Structure formats: C-alpha cells, structure tokens
Amino acid sequence: MKSRPVPVLPLYQKIVEILEDVQTTTYRSINRTMVHAYWWIGQQIV
C-alpha cells in the first residue's frame, strides 16, 4: 500500500493561520493588561 503525500501548501497555510491567530490573541491580551495597569497607576496618583 502506497501512502499519499500530504499537500505542503495547505498544511503550511494552516500553520500560518494558527500562528497569526495566536499572535493577535497575544497582542490583545497584552494590551488589555497594560490598560489595567495604567488605570491602577492612575488610581494611585489620584
């Protein structure tokens, strides 16, 4: 029985999509955390 090769392009594209999604999620999380930190700092100043 001969195995069929996995198409490289669709696999590569899917990996790129996953990494881009994770990167976007990470940026959003960091931005949200920084906004909270600045808000807490502002509360301490006031």
N, C-alpha and C. Protein backbone atom coordinates (compact mmCIF):
# COMPACT_ATOMS: atom_id res chain seq x y z
N MET A 1 0.84 -1.17 0.00
CA MET A 1 0.00 0.00 0.00
C MET A 1 0.89 1.24 0.00
N LYS A 2 0.64 2.11 -0.91
CA LYS A 2 1.45 3.31 -1.05
C LYS A 2 0.75 4.48 -0.37
N SER A 3 1.49 5.21 0.49
CA SER A 3 0.87 6.36 1.15
C SER A 3 0.94 7.57 0.25
N ARG A 4 -0.09 8.38 0.32
CA ARG A 4 -0.14 9.59 -0.49
C ARG A 4 0.54 10.73 0.26
N PRO A 5 1.33 11.54 -0.41
CA PRO A 5 1.99 12.65 0.28
C PRO A 5 0.99 13.72 0.71
N VAL A 6 1.27 14.34 1.82
CA VAL A 6 0.42 15.42 2.32
C VAL A 6 0.71 16.67 1.50
N PRO A 7 -0.32 17.36 1.01
CA PRO A 7 -0.08 18.58 0.27
C PRO A 7 0.58 19.62 1.18
N VAL A 8 1.72 20.11 0.77
CA VAL A 8 2.51 21.00 1.61
C VAL A 8 1.87 22.38 1.73
N LEU A 9 1.40 22.94 0.66
CA LEU A 9 0.86 24.29 0.67
C LEU A 9 -0.32 24.46 1.63
N PRO A 10 -1.35 23.61 1.57
CA PRO A 10 -2.46 23.77 2.52
C PRO A 10 -2.00 23.60 3.98
N LEU A 11 -1.09 22.68 4.23
CA LEU A 11 -0.58 22.49 5.58
C LEU A 11 0.17 23.73 6.03
N TYR A 12 1.03 24.26 5.19
CA TYR A 12 1.78 25.47 5.50
C TYR A 12 0.83 26.63 5.76
N GLN A 13 -0.18 26.80 4.94
CA GLN A 13 -1.15 27.89 5.09
C GLN A 13 -1.91 27.77 6.41
N LYS A 14 -2.27 26.56 6.78
CA LYS A 14 -2.99 26.34 8.04
C LYS A 14 -2.10 26.70 9.22
N ILE A 15 -0.83 26.33 9.16
CA ILE A 15 0.11 26.66 10.24
C ILE A 15 0.26 28.18 10.35
N VAL A 16 0.36 28.86 9.22
CA VAL A 16 0.46 30.32 9.22
C VAL A 16 -0.78 30.94 9.85
N GLU A 17 -1.96 30.44 9.52
CA GLU A 17 -3.21 30.95 10.09
C GLU A 17 -3.25 30.76 11.60
N ILE A 18 -2.82 29.62 12.07
CA ILE A 18 -2.80 29.34 13.51
C ILE A 18 -1.86 30.32 14.22
N LEU A 19 -0.67 30.50 13.68
CA LEU A 19 0.30 31.40 14.30
C LEU A 19 -0.18 32.84 14.30
N GLU A 20 -0.81 33.26 13.21
CA GLU A 20 -1.34 34.63 13.15
C GLU A 20 -2.45 34.82 14.17
N ASP A 21 -3.30 33.83 14.34
CA ASP A 21 -4.39 33.90 15.31
C ASP A 21 -3.84 34.00 16.73
N VAL A 22 -2.85 33.19 17.04
CA VAL A 22 -2.24 33.22 18.37
C VAL A 22 -1.56 34.57 18.61
N GLN A 23 -0.90 35.09 17.59
CA GLN A 23 -0.24 36.39 17.72
C GLN A 23 -1.25 37.49 18.01
N THR A 24 -2.36 37.50 17.30
CA THR A 24 -3.40 38.50 17.52
C THR A 24 -3.98 38.39 18.93
N THR A 25 -4.25 37.17 19.37
CA THR A 25 -4.78 36.95 20.71
C THR A 25 -3.79 37.43 21.77
N THR A 26 -2.51 37.18 21.55
CA THR A 26 -1.48 37.62 22.49
C THR A 26 -1.42 39.12 22.56
N TYR A 27 -1.44 39.81 21.41
CA TYR A 27 -1.41 41.28 21.40
C TYR A 27 -2.60 41.85 22.17
N ARG A 28 -3.77 41.30 21.95
CA ARG A 28 -4.96 41.79 22.64
C ARG A 28 -4.84 41.61 24.15
N SER A 29 -4.35 40.47 24.56
CA SER A 29 -4.19 40.19 25.99
C SER A 29 -3.20 41.15 26.62
N ILE A 30 -2.09 41.38 25.96
CA ILE A 30 -1.08 42.30 26.49
C ILE A 30 -1.64 43.72 26.55
N ASN A 31 -2.34 44.15 25.51
CA ASN A 31 -2.92 45.49 25.51
C ASN A 31 -3.92 45.66 26.65
N ARG A 32 -4.75 44.67 26.87
CA ARG A 32 -5.75 44.72 27.94
C ARG A 32 -5.05 44.81 29.29
N THR A 33 -4.00 44.04 29.49
CA THR A 33 -3.26 44.05 30.74
C THR A 33 -2.59 45.40 30.97
N MET A 34 -2.03 45.99 29.92
CA MET A 34 -1.38 47.30 30.05
C MET A 34 -2.41 48.38 30.39
N VAL A 35 -3.59 48.33 29.80
CA VAL A 35 -4.63 49.31 30.11
C VAL A 35 -5.01 49.20 31.58
N HIS A 36 -5.17 47.98 32.09
CA HIS A 36 -5.49 47.80 33.51
C HIS A 36 -4.38 48.35 34.39
N ALA A 37 -3.15 48.07 34.04
CA ALA A 37 -2.01 48.56 34.83
C ALA A 37 -2.00 50.09 34.86
N TYR A 38 -2.20 50.72 33.72
CA TYR A 38 -2.21 52.18 33.68
C TYR A 38 -3.37 52.74 34.48
N TRP A 39 -4.51 52.07 34.43
CA TRP A 39 -5.66 52.52 35.20
C TRP A 39 -5.36 52.46 36.69
N TRP A 40 -4.76 51.34 37.14
CA TRP A 40 -4.42 51.19 38.57
C TRP A 40 -3.38 52.24 38.98
N ILE A 41 -2.42 52.51 38.12
CA ILE A 41 -1.41 53.55 38.42
C ILE A 41 -2.09 54.89 38.55
N GLY A 42 -3.02 55.19 37.64
CA GLY A 42 -3.77 56.44 37.71
C GLY A 42 -4.55 56.55 39.01
N GLN A 43 -5.13 55.46 39.45
CA GLN A 43 -5.88 55.48 40.71
C GLN A 43 -4.96 55.79 41.89
N GLN A 44 -3.75 55.30 41.86
CA GLN A 44 -2.80 55.56 42.94
C GLN A 44 -2.37 57.02 42.94
N ILE A 45 -2.22 57.61 41.76
CA ILE A 45 -1.83 59.02 41.65
C ILE A 45 -2.93 59.92 42.18
N VAL A 46 -4.17 59.60 41.80
CA VAL A 46 -5.31 60.41 42.23
C VAL A 46 -5.53 60.19 43.72
